[in-house]
N, C-alpha and C. Protein backbone atom coordinates (compact mmCIF):
# COMPACT_ATOMS: atom_id res chain seq x y z
N MET A 1 -13.07 -23.40 -26.15
CA MET A 1 -12.25 -24.67 -25.01
C MET A 1 -12.10 -24.35 -24.19
N TYR A 2 -11.26 -23.39 -23.56
CA TYR A 2 -10.30 -22.86 -22.83
C TYR A 2 -11.16 -21.50 -22.47
N ARG A 3 -12.07 -20.60 -21.74
CA ARG A 3 -11.40 -20.13 -20.93
C ARG A 3 -10.17 -18.96 -20.85
N ARG A 4 -9.98 -18.00 -20.79
CA ARG A 4 -8.30 -17.30 -20.12
C ARG A 4 -9.18 -16.49 -18.75
N VAL A 5 -8.71 -16.47 -17.64
CA VAL A 5 -9.34 -16.48 -16.79
C VAL A 5 -8.06 -14.90 -16.22
N THR A 6 -9.41 -13.73 -16.25
CA THR A 6 -8.45 -12.82 -16.02
C THR A 6 -9.60 -12.00 -14.56
N LEU A 7 -8.67 -11.16 -13.84
CA LEU A 7 -8.61 -10.39 -12.59
C LEU A 7 -8.69 -9.74 -12.73
N GLU A 8 -9.53 -8.84 -11.59
CA GLU A 8 -9.90 -6.93 -11.69
C GLU A 8 -9.44 -6.85 -10.70
N GLY A 9 -9.14 -5.69 -10.77
CA GLY A 9 -7.63 -4.82 -10.63
C GLY A 9 -7.07 -4.90 -8.49
N TRP A 10 -8.24 -5.16 -7.91
CA TRP A 10 -8.23 -5.32 -7.04
C TRP A 10 -7.71 -7.21 -5.94
N GLN A 11 -8.27 -7.76 -7.61
CA GLN A 11 -7.77 -9.40 -6.84
C GLN A 11 -5.63 -9.13 -7.11
N GLU A 12 -5.78 -8.46 -7.85
CA GLU A 12 -4.34 -8.68 -8.31
C GLU A 12 -3.23 -8.50 -7.13
N ILE A 13 -3.72 -7.39 -6.03
CA ILE A 13 -3.24 -7.47 -4.93
C ILE A 13 -3.19 -8.15 -4.27
N VAL A 14 -4.17 -8.99 -3.49
CA VAL A 14 -4.23 -10.48 -2.18
C VAL A 14 -3.11 -11.38 -2.29
N PRO A 15 -2.57 -11.07 -3.39
CA PRO A 15 -1.05 -11.71 -2.88
C PRO A 15 0.06 -11.21 -1.65
N TYR A 16 -0.15 -9.69 -2.70
CA TYR A 16 1.07 -9.02 -1.80
C TYR A 16 0.08 -8.88 -0.74
N ILE A 17 -0.96 -8.64 -0.22
CA ILE A 17 -1.44 -8.31 1.13
C ILE A 17 -0.92 -9.61 1.90
N CYS A 18 -1.34 -10.86 1.40
CA CYS A 18 -1.22 -11.76 2.21
C CYS A 18 0.46 -12.38 2.47
N PHE A 19 1.19 -11.49 1.30
CA PHE A 19 2.86 -11.73 1.20
C PHE A 19 3.04 -10.93 2.96
N ALA A 20 2.47 -9.41 2.75
CA ALA A 20 2.70 -9.01 4.49
C ALA A 20 2.30 -8.83 5.77
N LEU A 21 1.52 -10.12 4.90
CA LEU A 21 0.69 -10.77 6.90
C LEU A 21 1.94 -11.34 7.08
N ILE A 22 2.37 -12.15 6.38
CA ILE A 22 3.32 -13.26 6.89
C ILE A 22 4.32 -13.16 6.69
N ALA A 23 5.08 -12.02 5.86
CA ALA A 23 6.31 -11.36 6.50
C ALA A 23 6.15 -10.63 8.15
N GLY A 24 4.81 -9.88 8.45
CA GLY A 24 4.57 -9.33 9.41
C GLY A 24 4.69 -10.51 10.94
N ALA A 25 3.68 -11.15 10.35
CA ALA A 25 4.01 -12.11 12.03
C ALA A 25 5.59 -12.44 12.00
N PHE A 26 6.12 -12.91 10.97
CA PHE A 26 7.64 -13.06 11.13
C PHE A 26 8.32 -12.47 11.60
N LEU A 27 8.45 -11.69 11.69
CA LEU A 27 8.92 -10.32 12.15
C LEU A 27 8.97 -10.10 13.47
N VAL A 28 7.52 -10.22 14.03
CA VAL A 28 7.39 -9.47 15.44
C VAL A 28 7.27 -11.09 15.66
N ILE A 29 7.02 -12.31 15.26
CA ILE A 29 8.10 -13.11 16.45
C ILE A 29 9.48 -13.26 16.28
N LEU A 30 10.40 -12.79 15.50
CA LEU A 30 11.59 -13.17 15.12
C LEU A 30 11.64 -11.63 16.36
N ILE A 31 11.30 -10.85 16.42
CA ILE A 31 11.92 -9.31 17.42
C ILE A 31 11.93 -10.00 18.51
N ARG A 32 10.67 -10.28 18.63
CA ARG A 32 9.84 -11.18 20.22
C ARG A 32 11.15 -12.02 21.03
N ALA A 33 11.86 -13.03 19.33
CA ALA A 33 12.98 -13.81 20.62
C ALA A 33 13.78 -13.55 20.80
N LEU A 34 14.74 -12.35 19.30
CA LEU A 34 15.91 -11.80 19.51
C LEU A 34 16.00 -10.48 21.34
N ARG A 35 14.59 -10.04 21.57
CA ARG A 35 14.34 -9.65 22.73
C ARG A 35 14.23 -10.09 23.76
N MET A 36 14.01 -11.66 24.19
CA MET A 36 13.92 -12.70 25.34
C MET A 36 15.12 -12.69 26.16
N LYS A 37 15.05 -12.30 27.25
CA LYS A 37 15.42 -11.87 28.70
C LYS A 37 16.53 -13.47 28.48
N LYS A 38 17.81 -13.66 29.23
CA LYS A 38 18.51 -15.08 29.21
C LYS A 38 17.50 -15.56 30.34
N LYS A 39 16.89 -15.11 31.12
CA LYS A 39 16.31 -16.61 32.17
C LYS A 39 15.22 -16.98 31.29
N ASP A 40 14.35 -16.35 30.49
CA ASP A 40 13.46 -16.80 29.69
C ASP A 40 14.03 -18.10 29.44
N ILE A 41 14.75 -17.57 28.28
CA ILE A 41 15.45 -18.37 27.27
C ILE A 41 15.97 -19.84 28.07
N ASP A 42 17.05 -19.68 29.39
CA ASP A 42 17.00 -20.55 30.23
C ASP A 42 15.46 -21.27 30.32
N HIS A 43 14.53 -21.04 30.94
CA HIS A 43 13.43 -21.84 31.27
C HIS A 43 13.07 -22.72 30.25
N LEU A 44 12.33 -21.74 28.87
CA LEU A 44 11.92 -22.63 27.73
C LEU A 44 12.96 -23.43 27.69
N SER A 45 14.09 -23.55 27.71
CA SER A 45 14.92 -24.82 26.87
C SER A 45 15.42 -26.23 28.48
N ASN A 46 14.97 -25.59 29.80
CA ASN A 46 14.55 -26.85 30.41
C ASN A 46 13.49 -27.42 30.55
N MET A 47 12.86 -27.01 29.49
CA MET A 47 11.05 -27.31 29.94
C MET A 47 11.30 -28.53 29.56
N PRO A 48 10.56 -29.90 29.93
CA PRO A 48 10.46 -31.11 29.36
C PRO A 48 9.81 -31.07 28.60
N LEU A 49 9.68 -32.37 27.63
CA LEU A 49 9.30 -32.64 26.14
C LEU A 49 7.95 -33.67 26.42
N ARG A 50 8.21 -34.58 27.28
CA ARG A 50 6.96 -35.53 27.33
C ARG A 50 6.46 -35.35 28.94
N ASP A 51 5.83 -35.82 29.00
CA ASP A 51 3.98 -35.90 30.19
C ASP A 51 5.36 -36.79 30.91
N ASP A 52 4.62 -36.97 32.34
CA ASP A 52 5.14 -37.39 33.49
C ASP A 52 4.96 -38.86 33.45
N ASN A 53 3.46 -39.04 33.01
CA ASN A 53 3.73 -40.94 32.65
C ASN A 53 4.82 -41.35 31.36
N GLU A 54 4.56 -40.28 30.45
CA GLU A 54 5.55 -40.94 29.80
C GLU A 54 7.39 -40.87 30.38
N LEU A 55 7.54 -40.27 31.11
CA LEU A 55 8.84 -40.31 32.09
C LEU A 55 8.98 -41.14 32.38
N GLN A 56 8.05 -41.43 33.44
CA GLN A 56 7.74 -42.04 34.59
C GLN A 56 7.71 -44.00 33.81
N GLU A 57 7.21 -44.07 32.66
CA GLU A 57 7.50 -45.96 32.21
C GLU A 57 8.85 -45.68 31.22
N SER A 58 9.15 -44.64 30.53
CA SER A 58 10.39 -45.15 30.19
C SER A 58 11.56 -44.89 31.44
N ILE A 59 11.88 -44.52 32.42
CA ILE A 59 12.79 -44.94 33.53
C ILE A 59 11.86 -46.08 34.19
N GLU A 60 11.22 -46.62 34.07
CA GLU A 60 11.26 -48.04 34.34
C GLU A 60 11.69 -49.26 33.06
N ASN A 61 11.42 -48.73 32.68
CA ASN A 61 11.71 -49.54 31.49
C ASN A 61 13.37 -49.61 30.80
N GLN A 62 14.20 -48.41 31.43
CA GLN A 62 15.02 -48.17 31.65
C GLN A 62 15.70 -49.16 32.84
N SER A 63 15.24 -49.00 33.62
CA SER A 63 15.67 -49.77 35.03
C SER A 63 15.55 -51.47 34.62
N ASP A 64 14.15 -51.93 34.09
CA ASP A 64 14.13 -52.99 33.78
C ASP A 64 15.19 -53.32 32.85
N GLU A 65 15.71 -52.85 32.18
CA GLU A 65 16.83 -53.18 30.89
C GLU A 65 17.81 -53.65 31.95
N ASP A 66 18.54 -52.50 32.98
CA ASP A 66 19.49 -52.92 32.86
C ASP A 66 19.42 -53.64 34.30
N GLN A 67 18.58 -54.43 34.76
CA GLN A 67 18.93 -55.57 35.69
C GLN A 67 18.68 -56.30 35.15
N GLY A 68 17.89 -56.49 33.99
CA GLY A 68 18.12 -57.84 33.05
C GLY A 68 19.27 -57.98 32.46
N SER A 69 20.30 -56.96 32.28
CA SER A 69 21.38 -57.43 31.81
C SER A 69 22.32 -57.76 33.06
N LYS A 70 22.40 -57.75 34.15
CA LYS A 70 23.30 -57.82 35.29
C LYS A 70 23.27 -59.35 35.62
């Protein structure tokens, strides 16, 4: 009823190739991150995470709450 799956010779190396590609991509990203200049790190760390519209709405909501509590 159940048949055993037999792999060809070339199919046995596919997982190794995939692992090598993923490990290579990880190493490239790691090396680029480690070699990044301090100026670039500071620039990326100070980037806003929200759109201007969302930021403006949160500021307005916060000011409305502050005025309501007084």
